[in-house]
Each structure stands twice: as structure tokens, then as C-alpha cells.
PDB file of N, CA and C in Angstrom:
ATOM      1  N   UNK A   1     123.325 170.064 155.732  1.00  0.00           N
ATOM      2  CA  UNK A   1     124.344 169.219 155.227  1.00  0.00           C
ATOM      3  C   UNK A   1     124.083 167.769 155.539  1.00  0.00           C
ATOM      4  N   UNK A   2     125.134 167.146 156.061  1.00  0.00           N
ATOM      5  CA  UNK A   2     125.091 165.709 156.338  1.00  0.00           C
ATOM      6  C   UNK A   2     124.011 165.332 157.342  1.00  0.00           C
ATOM      7  N   UNK A   3     123.857 166.145 158.363  1.00  0.00           N
ATOM      8  CA  UNK A   3     122.886 165.815 159.408  1.00  0.00           C
ATOM      9  C   UNK A   3     121.480 165.690 158.828  1.00  0.00           C
ATOM     10  N   UNK A   4     121.104 166.629 157.980  1.00  0.00           N
ATOM     11  CA  UNK A   4     119.782 166.605 157.357  1.00  0.00           C
ATOM     12  C   UNK A   4     119.661 165.411 156.410  1.00  0.00           C
ATOM     13  N   UNK A   5     120.718 165.139 155.649  1.00  0.00           N
ATOM     14  CA  UNK A   5     120.697 164.006 154.727  1.00  0.00           C
ATOM     15  C   UNK A   5     120.518 162.696 155.488  1.00  0.00           C
ATOM     16  N   UNK A   6     121.186 162.572 156.629  1.00  0.00           N
ATOM     17  CA  UNK A   6     121.057 161.357 157.435  1.00  0.00           C
ATOM     18  C   UNK A   6     119.622 161.164 157.919  1.00  0.00           C
ATOM     19  N   UNK A   7     118.933 162.267 158.187  1.00  0.00           N
ATOM     20  CA  UNK A   7     117.548 162.187 158.638  1.00  0.00           C
ATOM     21  C   UNK A   7     116.620 161.778 157.494  1.00  0.00           C
ATOM     22  N   UNK A   8     116.913 162.212 156.303  1.00  0.00           N
ATOM     23  CA  UNK A   8     116.037 161.986 155.157  1.00  0.00           C
ATOM     24  C   UNK A   8     116.299 160.676 154.411  1.00  0.00           C
ATOM     25  N   UNK A   9     117.522 160.196 154.471  1.00  0.00           N
ATOM     26  CA  UNK A   9     117.904 159.028 153.673  1.00  0.00           C
ATOM     27  C   UNK A   9     118.132 157.833 154.590  1.00  0.00           C
ATOM     28  N   UNK A  10     117.379 156.774 154.366  1.00  0.00           N
ATOM     29  CA  UNK A  10     117.447 155.595 155.237  1.00  0.00           C
ATOM     30  C   UNK A  10     118.855 154.995 155.284  1.00  0.00           C
ATOM     31  N   UNK A  11     119.399 154.672 154.155  1.00  0.00           N
ATOM     32  CA  UNK A  11     120.739 154.066 154.090  1.00  0.00           C
ATOM     33  C   UNK A  11     121.749 155.109 153.632  1.00  0.00           C
ATOM     34  N   UNK A  12     122.058 156.035 154.511  1.00  0.00           N
ATOM     35  CA  UNK A  12     122.994 157.117 154.204  1.00  0.00           C
ATOM     36  C   UNK A  12     124.359 156.758 154.758  1.00  0.00           C
ATOM     37  N   UNK A  13     125.374 156.810 153.913  1.00  0.00           N
ATOM     38  CA  UNK A  13     126.735 156.526 154.332  1.00  0.00           C
ATOM     39  C   UNK A  13     127.661 157.605 153.796  1.00  0.00           C
ATOM     40  N   UNK A  14     128.709 157.868 154.538  1.00  0.00           N
ATOM     41  CA  UNK A  14     129.699 158.862 154.120  1.00  0.00           C
ATOM     42  C   UNK A  14     130.986 158.140 153.735  1.00  0.00           C
ATOM     43  N   UNK A  15     131.474 158.460 152.547  1.00  0.00           N
ATOM     44  CA  UNK A  15     132.794 158.039 152.117  1.00  0.00           C
ATOM     45  C   UNK A  15     133.676 159.266 152.282  1.00  0.00           C
ATOM     46  N   UNK A  16     134.608 159.183 153.205  1.00  0.00           N
ATOM     47  CA  UNK A  16     135.471 160.331 153.484  1.00  0.00           C
ATOM     48  C   UNK A  16     136.746 160.190 152.665  1.00  0.00           C
ATOM     49  N   UNK A  17     137.008 161.174 151.839  1.00  0.00           N
ATOM     50  CA  UNK A  17     138.204 161.165 151.013  1.00  0.00           C
ATOM     51  C   UNK A  17     139.162 162.195 151.579  1.00  0.00           C
ATOM     52  N   UNK A  18     140.352 161.745 151.915  1.00  0.00           N
ATOM     53  CA  UNK A  18     141.347 162.628 152.506  1.00  0.00           C
ATOM     54  C   UNK A  18     142.532 162.779 151.568  1.00  0.00           C
ATOM     55  N   UNK A  19     143.051 163.994 151.541  1.00  0.00           N
ATOM     56  CA  UNK A  19     144.188 164.303 150.679  1.00  0.00           C
ATOM     57  C   UNK A  19     144.819 165.588 151.198  1.00  0.00           C
ATOM     58  N   UNK A  20     146.140 165.663 151.257  1.00  0.00           N
ATOM     59  CA  UNK A  20     146.775 166.915 151.678  1.00  0.00           C
ATOM     60  C   UNK A  20     146.373 168.066 150.755  1.00  0.00           C
ATOM     61  N   UNK A  21     146.139 169.222 151.351  1.00  0.00           N
ATOM     62  CA  UNK A  21     145.643 170.380 150.594  1.00  0.00           C
ATOM     63  C   UNK A  21     146.597 170.784 149.466  1.00  0.00           C
ATOM     64  N   UNK A  22     147.896 170.651 149.686  1.00  0.00           N
ATOM     65  CA  UNK A  22     148.845 171.032 148.633  1.00  0.00           C
ATOM     66  C   UNK A  22     148.730 170.112 147.425  1.00  0.00           C
ATOM     67  N   UNK A  23     148.438 168.836 147.662  1.00  0.00           N
ATOM     68  CA  UNK A  23     148.235 167.908 146.547  1.00  0.00           C
ATOM     69  C   UNK A  23     146.922 168.203 145.830  1.00  0.00           C
ATOM     70  N   UNK A  24     145.887 168.574 146.571  1.00  0.00           N
ATOM     71  CA  UNK A  24     144.615 168.968 145.945  1.00  0.00           C
ATOM     72  C   UNK A  24     144.845 170.143 144.996  1.00  0.00           C
ATOM     73  N   UNK A  25     145.598 171.113 145.463  1.00  0.00           N
ATOM     74  CA  UNK A  25     145.866 172.288 144.625  1.00  0.00           C
ATOM     75  C   UNK A  25     146.697 171.909 143.404  1.00  0.00           C
ATOM     76  N   UNK A  26     147.683 171.060 143.592  1.00  0.00           N
ATOM     77  CA  UNK A  26     148.504 170.608 142.468  1.00  0.00           C
ATOM     78  C   UNK A  26     147.646 169.895 141.425  1.00  0.00           C
ATOM     79  N   UNK A  27     146.736 169.058 141.895  1.00  0.00           N
ATOM     80  CA  UNK A  27     145.852 168.338 140.971  1.00  0.00           C
ATOM     81  C   UNK A  27     144.937 169.298 140.221  1.00  0.00           C
ATOM     82  N   UNK A  28     144.423 170.303 140.918  1.00  0.00           N
ATOM     83  CA  UNK A  28     143.559 171.273 140.235  1.00  0.00           C
ATOM     84  C   UNK A  28     144.337 171.998 139.142  1.00  0.00           C
ATOM     85  N   UNK A  29     145.559 172.353 139.418  1.00  0.00           N
ATOM     86  CA  UNK A  29     146.376 173.067 138.433  1.00  0.00           C
ATOM     87  C   UNK A  29     146.680 172.222 137.202  1.00  0.00           C
ATOM     88  N   UNK A  30     146.674 170.893 137.352  1.00  0.00           N
ATOM     89  CA  UNK A  30     146.962 169.992 136.235  1.00  0.00           C
ATOM     90  C   UNK A  30     145.723 169.617 135.434  1.00  0.00           C
ATOM     91  N   UNK A  31     144.530 169.948 135.960  1.00  0.00           N
ATOM     92  CA  UNK A  31     143.298 169.563 135.259  1.00  0.00           C
ATOM     93  C   UNK A  31     143.232 170.212 133.894  1.00  0.00           C
ATOM     94  N   UNK A  32     142.767 169.462 132.922  1.00  0.00           N
ATOM     95  CA  UNK A  32     142.600 170.015 131.583  1.00  0.00           C
ATOM     96  C   UNK A  32     141.137 170.335 131.299  1.00  0.00           C
ATOM     97  N   UNK A  33     140.209 169.622 131.950  1.00  0.00           N
ATOM     98  CA  UNK A  33     138.787 169.857 131.681  1.00  0.00           C
ATOM     99  C   UNK A  33     138.246 171.041 132.464  1.00  0.00           C
ATOM    100  N   UNK A  34     138.787 171.311 133.624  1.00  0.00           N
ATOM    101  CA  UNK A  34     138.401 172.405 134.526  1.00  0.00           C
ATOM    102  C   UNK A  34     136.968 172.317 135.017  1.00  0.00           C
ATOM    103  N   UNK A  35     136.102 171.597 134.371  1.00  0.00           N
ATOM    104  CA  UNK A  35     134.730 171.348 134.830  1.00  0.00           C
ATOM    105  C   UNK A  35     134.037 172.603 135.364  1.00  0.00           C
ATOM    106  N   UNK A  36     134.358 173.725 134.794  1.00  0.00           N
ATOM    107  CA  UNK A  36     133.728 174.975 135.232  1.00  0.00           C
ATOM    108  C   UNK A  36     134.290 175.517 136.530  1.00  0.00           C
ATOM    109  N   UNK A  37     135.295 174.865 137.072  1.00  0.00           N
ATOM    110  CA  UNK A  37     135.894 175.286 138.345  1.00  0.00           C
ATOM    111  C   UNK A  37     137.367 175.587 138.091  1.00  0.00           C
ATOM    112  N   UNK A  38     137.727 176.838 138.294  1.00  0.00           N
ATOM    113  CA  UNK A  38     139.113 177.225 138.048  1.00  0.00           C
ATOM    114  C   UNK A  38     139.631 178.110 139.167  1.00  0.00           C
ATOM    115  N   UNK A  39     140.902 177.968 139.431  1.00  0.00           N
ATOM    116  CA  UNK A  39     141.596 178.821 140.403  1.00  0.00           C
ATOM    117  C   UNK A  39     140.931 178.848 141.769  1.00  0.00           C
ATOM    118  N   UNK A  40     140.376 177.733 142.198  1.00  0.00           N
ATOM    119  CA  UNK A  40     139.642 177.762 143.465  1.00  0.00           C
ATOM    120  C   UNK A  40     140.550 178.024 144.660  1.00  0.00           C
ATOM    121  N   UNK A  41     141.768 177.545 144.624  1.00  0.00           N
ATOM    122  CA  UNK A  41     142.669 177.748 145.762  1.00  0.00           C
ATOM    123  C   UNK A  41     143.149 179.195 145.826  1.00  0.00           C
ATOM    124  N   UNK A  42     143.453 179.779 144.672  1.00  0.00           N
ATOM    125  CA  UNK A  42     143.820 181.203 144.646  1.00  0.00           C
ATOM    126  C   UNK A  42     142.645 182.066 145.084  1.00  0.00           C
ATOM    127  N   UNK A  43     141.447 181.709 144.629  1.00  0.00           N
ATOM    128  CA  UNK A  43     140.260 182.465 145.021  1.00  0.00           C
ATOM    129  C   UNK A  43     139.991 182.343 146.518  1.00  0.00           C
ATOM    130  N   UNK A  44     140.246 181.163 147.080  1.00  0.00           N
ATOM    131  CA  UNK A  44     140.046 180.968 148.519  1.00  0.00           C
ATOM    132  C   UNK A  44     141.059 181.791 149.319  1.00  0.00           C
ATOM    133  N   UNK A  45     142.282 181.873 148.831  1.00  0.00           N
ATOM    134  CA  UNK A  45     143.293 182.675 149.532  1.00  0.00           C
ATOM    135  C   UNK A  45     142.934 184.160 149.535  1.00  0.00           C
ATOM    136  N   UNK A  46     142.139 184.573 148.570  1.00  0.00           N
ATOM    137  CA  UNK A  46     141.661 185.965 148.513  1.00  0.00           C
ATOM    138  C   UNK A  46     140.322 186.113 149.233  1.00  0.00           C
ATOM    139  N   UNK A  47     139.856 185.050 149.876  1.00  0.00           N
ATOM    140  CA  UNK A  47     138.571 184.988 150.579  1.00  0.00           C
ATOM    141  C   UNK A  47     137.369 185.244 149.681  1.00  0.00           C
ATOM    142  N   UNK A  48     137.515 184.919 148.399  1.00  0.00           N
ATOM    143  CA  UNK A  48     136.384 185.023 147.472  1.00  0.00           C
ATOM    144  C   UNK A  48     135.442 183.830 147.638  1.00  0.00           C
ATOM    145  N   UNK A  49     135.997 182.682 147.982  1.00  0.00           N
ATOM    146  CA  UNK A  49     135.225 181.463 148.216  1.00  0.00           C
ATOM    147  C   UNK A  49     135.821 180.764 149.430  1.00  0.00           C
ATOM    148  N   UNK A  50     135.110 179.789 149.956  1.00  0.00           N
ATOM    149  CA  UNK A  50     135.586 179.020 151.105  1.00  0.00           C
ATOM    150  C   UNK A  50     135.916 177.595 150.669  1.00  0.00           C
ATOM    151  N   UNK A  51     137.043 177.108 151.146  1.00  0.00           N
ATOM    152  CA  UNK A  51     137.435 175.725 150.896  1.00  0.00           C
ATOM    153  C   UNK A  51     137.755 175.080 152.241  1.00  0.00           C
ATOM    154  N   UNK A  52     137.003 174.043 152.603  1.00  0.00           N
ATOM    155  CA  UNK A  52     137.305 173.351 153.859  1.00  0.00           C
ATOM    156  C   UNK A  52     138.745 172.848 153.874  1.00  0.00           C
ATOM    157  N   UNK A  53     139.414 173.101 154.966  1.00  0.00           N
ATOM    158  CA  UNK A  53     140.800 172.688 155.101  1.00  0.00           C
ATOM    159  C   UNK A  53     141.798 173.746 154.688  1.00  0.00           C
ATOM    160  N   UNK A  54     141.327 174.782 154.002  1.00  0.00           N
ATOM    161  CA  UNK A  54     142.208 175.875 153.594  1.00  0.00           C
ATOM    162  C   UNK A  54     141.833 177.155 154.339  1.00  0.00           C
ATOM    163  N   UNK A  55     140.639 177.666 154.062  1.00  0.00           N
ATOM    164  CA  UNK A  55     140.202 178.886 154.748  1.00  0.00           C
ATOM    165  C   UNK A  55     138.829 178.715 155.399  1.00  0.00           C
ATOM    166  N   UNK A  56     138.443 177.453 155.564  1.00  0.00           N
ATOM    167  CA  UNK A  56     137.185 177.139 156.233  1.00  0.00           C
ATOM    168  C   UNK A  56     137.398 175.851 157.024  1.00  0.00           C
ATOM    169  N   UNK A  57     136.597 175.668 158.047  1.00  0.00           N
ATOM    170  CA  UNK A  57     136.741 174.497 158.901  1.00  0.00           C
ATOM    171  C   UNK A  57     136.375 173.223 158.146  1.00  0.00           C
ATOM    172  N   UNK A  58     137.213 172.231 158.300  1.00  0.00           N
ATOM    173  CA  UNK A  58     136.948 170.915 157.726  1.00  0.00           C
ATOM    174  C   UNK A  58     136.345 170.053 158.818  1.00  0.00           C
ATOM    175  N   UNK A  59     135.149 169.568 158.603  1.00  0.00           N
ATOM    176  CA  UNK A  59     134.457 168.762 159.602  1.00  0.00           C
ATOM    177  C   UNK A  59     134.505 167.302 159.165  1.00  0.00           C
ATOM    178  N   UNK A  60     135.303 166.520 159.893  1.00  0.00           N
ATOM    179  CA  UNK A  60     135.390 165.096 159.583  1.00  0.00           C
ATOM    180  C   UNK A  60     134.119 164.396 160.039  1.00  0.00           C
ATOM    181  N   UNK A  61     133.741 163.407 159.301  1.00  0.00           N
ATOM    182  CA  UNK A  61     132.611 162.567 159.671  1.00  0.00           C
ATOM    183  C   UNK A  61     133.002 161.746 160.896  1.00  0.00           C
ATOM    184  N   UNK A  62     132.101 161.640 161.852  1.00  0.00           N
ATOM    185  CA  UNK A  62     132.388 160.874 163.070  1.00  0.00           C
ATOM    186  C   UNK A  62     132.538 159.380 162.787  1.00  0.00           C
ATOM    187  N   UNK A  63     131.661 158.857 161.936  1.00  0.00           N
ATOM    188  CA  UNK A  63     131.692 157.423 161.640  1.00  0.00           C
ATOM    189  C   UNK A  63     131.526 157.194 160.140  1.00  0.00           C
ATOM    190  N   UNK A  64     132.563 157.509 159.359  1.00  0.00           N
ATOM    191  CA  UNK A  64     132.423 157.277 157.924  1.00  0.00           C
ATOM    192  C   UNK A  64     132.365 155.785 157.606  1.00  0.00           C
ATOM    193  N   UNK A  65     131.713 155.463 156.517  1.00  0.00           N
ATOM    194  CA  UNK A  65     131.668 154.076 156.063  1.00  0.00           C
ATOM    195  C   UNK A  65     133.085 153.594 155.763  1.00  0.00           C
ATOM    196  N   UNK A  66     133.855 154.480 155.144  1.00  0.00           N
ATOM    197  CA  UNK A  66     135.233 154.165 154.766  1.00  0.00           C
ATOM    198  C   UNK A  66     135.990 155.485 154.600  1.00  0.00           C
ATOM    199  N   UNK A  67     137.274 155.432 154.840  1.00  0.00           N
ATOM    200  CA  UNK A  67     138.139 156.590 154.599  1.00  0.00           C
ATOM    201  C   UNK A  67     139.091 156.223 153.474  1.00  0.00           C
ATOM    202  N   UNK A  68     139.121 157.065 152.464  1.00  0.00           N
ATOM    203  CA  UNK A  68     140.001 156.861 151.313  1.00  0.00           C
ATOM    204  C   UNK A  68     141.097 157.921 151.366  1.00  0.00           C
ATOM    205  N   UNK A  69     142.344 157.494 151.347  1.00  0.00           N
ATOM    206  CA  UNK A  69     143.476 158.418 151.283  1.00  0.00           C
ATOM    207  C   UNK A  69     143.886 158.531 149.821  1.00  0.00           C
ATOM    208  N   UNK A  70     143.379 159.558 149.154  1.00  0.00           N
ATOM    209  CA  UNK A  70     143.569 159.647 147.706  1.00  0.00           C
ATOM    210  C   UNK A  70     144.994 160.015 147.308  1.00  0.00           C
ATOM    211  N   UNK A  71     145.825 160.351 148.286  1.00  0.00           N
ATOM    212  CA  UNK A  71     147.236 160.585 147.957  1.00  0.00           C
ATOM    213  C   UNK A  71     148.024 159.277 147.925  1.00  0.00           C
ATOM    214  N   UNK A  72     147.415 158.192 148.405  1.00  0.00           N
ATOM    215  CA  UNK A  72     148.097 156.902 148.446  1.00  0.00           C
ATOM    216  C   UNK A  72     147.473 155.867 147.501  1.00  0.00           C
ATOM    217  N   UNK A  73     146.239 156.125 147.067  1.00  0.00           N
ATOM    218  CA  UNK A  73     145.529 155.173 146.225  1.00  0.00           C
ATOM    219  C   UNK A  73     145.187 155.779 144.876  1.00  0.00           C
ATOM    220  N   UNK A  74     145.143 154.936 143.870  1.00  0.00           N
ATOM    221  CA  UNK A  74     144.698 155.391 142.554  1.00  0.00           C
ATOM    222  C   UNK A  74     143.177 155.501 142.578  1.00  0.00           C
ATOM    223  N   UNK A  75     142.598 156.209 141.622  1.00  0.00           N
ATOM    224  CA  UNK A  75     141.129 156.253 141.559  1.00  0.00           C
ATOM    225  C   UNK A  75     140.510 154.857 141.440  1.00  0.00           C
ATOM    226  N   UNK A  76     141.129 153.967 140.685  1.00  0.00           N
ATOM    227  CA  UNK A  76     140.599 152.605 140.536  1.00  0.00           C
ATOM    228  C   UNK A  76     140.666 151.850 141.859  1.00  0.00           C
ATOM    229  N   UNK A  77     141.782 151.950 142.567  1.00  0.00           N
ATOM    230  CA  UNK A  77     141.902 151.290 143.868  1.00  0.00           C
ATOM    231  C   UNK A  77     140.849 151.824 144.844  1.00  0.00           C
ATOM    232  N   UNK A  78     140.653 153.131 144.823  1.00  0.00           N
ATOM    233  CA  UNK A  78     139.657 153.752 145.700  1.00  0.00           C
ATOM    234  C   UNK A  78     138.264 153.238 145.385  1.00  0.00           C
ATOM    235  N   UNK A  79     137.926 153.199 144.091  1.00  0.00           N
ATOM    236  CA  UNK A  79     136.604 152.724 143.674  1.00  0.00           C
ATOM    237  C   UNK A  79     136.388 151.272 144.082  1.00  0.00           C
ATOM    238  N   UNK A  80     137.415 150.449 143.958  1.00  0.00           N
ATOM    239  CA  UNK A  80     137.303 149.036 144.337  1.00  0.00           C
ATOM    240  C   UNK A  80     137.066 148.895 145.844  1.00  0.00           C
ATOM    241  N   UNK A  81     137.793 149.674 146.658  1.00  0.00           N
ATOM    242  CA  UNK A  81     137.599 149.622 148.104  1.00  0.00           C
ATOM    243  C   UNK A  81     136.179 150.035 148.484  1.00  0.00           C
ATOM    244  N   UNK A  82     135.699 151.104 147.880  1.00  0.00           N
ATOM    245  CA  UNK A  82     134.343 151.585 148.172  1.00  0.00           C
ATOM    246  C   UNK A  82     133.311 150.544 147.745  1.00  0.00           C
ATOM    247  N   UNK A  83     133.484 150.017 146.533  1.00  0.00           N
ATOM    248  CA  UNK A  83     132.550 149.006 146.020  1.00  0.00           C
ATOM    249  C   UNK A  83     132.518 147.776 146.921  1.00  0.00           C
ATOM    250  N   UNK A  84     133.670 147.306 147.338  1.00  0.00           N
ATOM    251  CA  UNK A  84     133.732 146.135 148.219  1.00  0.00           C
ATOM    252  C   UNK A  84     133.089 146.426 149.569  1.00  0.00           C
ATOM    253  N   UNK A  85     133.298 147.607 150.086  1.00  0.00           N
ATOM    254  CA  UNK A  85     132.721 147.970 151.393  1.00  0.00           C
ATOM    255  C   UNK A  85     131.187 148.010 151.297  1.00  0.00           C
ATOM    256  N   UNK A  86     130.659 148.599 150.227  1.00  0.00           N
ATOM    257  CA  UNK A  86     129.215 148.683 150.041  1.00  0.00           C
ATOM    258  C   UNK A  86     128.591 147.296 149.892  1.00  0.00           C
ATOM    259  N   UNK A  87     129.264 146.426 149.156  1.00  0.00           N
ATOM    260  CA  UNK A  87     128.740 145.063 148.962  1.00  0.00           C
ATOM    261  C   UNK A  87     128.648 144.287 150.265  1.00  0.00           C
ATOM    262  N   UNK A  88     129.481 144.638 151.234  1.00  0.00           N
ATOM    263  CA  UNK A  88     129.512 143.908 152.510  1.00  0.00           C
ATOM    264  C   UNK A  88     128.673 144.522 153.595  1.00  0.00           C
ATOM    265  N   UNK A  89     127.826 145.461 153.257  1.00  0.00           N
ATOM    266  CA  UNK A  89     126.959 146.094 154.260  1.00  0.00           C
ATOM    267  C   UNK A  89     125.787 145.175 154.567  1.00  0.00           C
TER     268      UNK A  89
END
């Protein structure tokens, strides 16, 4: 995972996106494109798949470049924060 990527990539940074699990599930249920991913939360509750924060351990990054709270920011606001942070490295 991340540890190996950090070893291989010179300028490796983690953008940590945080969101309450219930909001993640609500957003998945509202998706119209589905992107080939459907019912992931129901499948995780049946232990068919693992979802960090639901039925698998969520490992926070020790020193993320930035933390985005996607329940408080719009996608555009999030992108602007990330872009500004990267420009100032």
C-alpha cells in the first residue's frame, strides 16, 4: 500500500478525505452512474467485501499533505484546497 508507494515515488503525498460512513452510504445510494460499483455497503455488511471504516480497519495517514472533510466541503472547494496546497510545496 502506501508504505511501498512512499518508497517508490519521490514526491509522494497523501490527501486524506474524511466523511462519516453513513453519508458515504447515502451518496452511493444516490449515484446514477454506479461506475461498476453497486451495493458496496450492503455487500460489506454481509462480509462479501471489506470497506475501511465499516467492516475493516481504517488506517489514517500519519502525516497527510492535507485532510479534506467532504461532508463540509463541496467537490470544487476540496479541489481548490488541494490545488493550493500542492502549489505551495
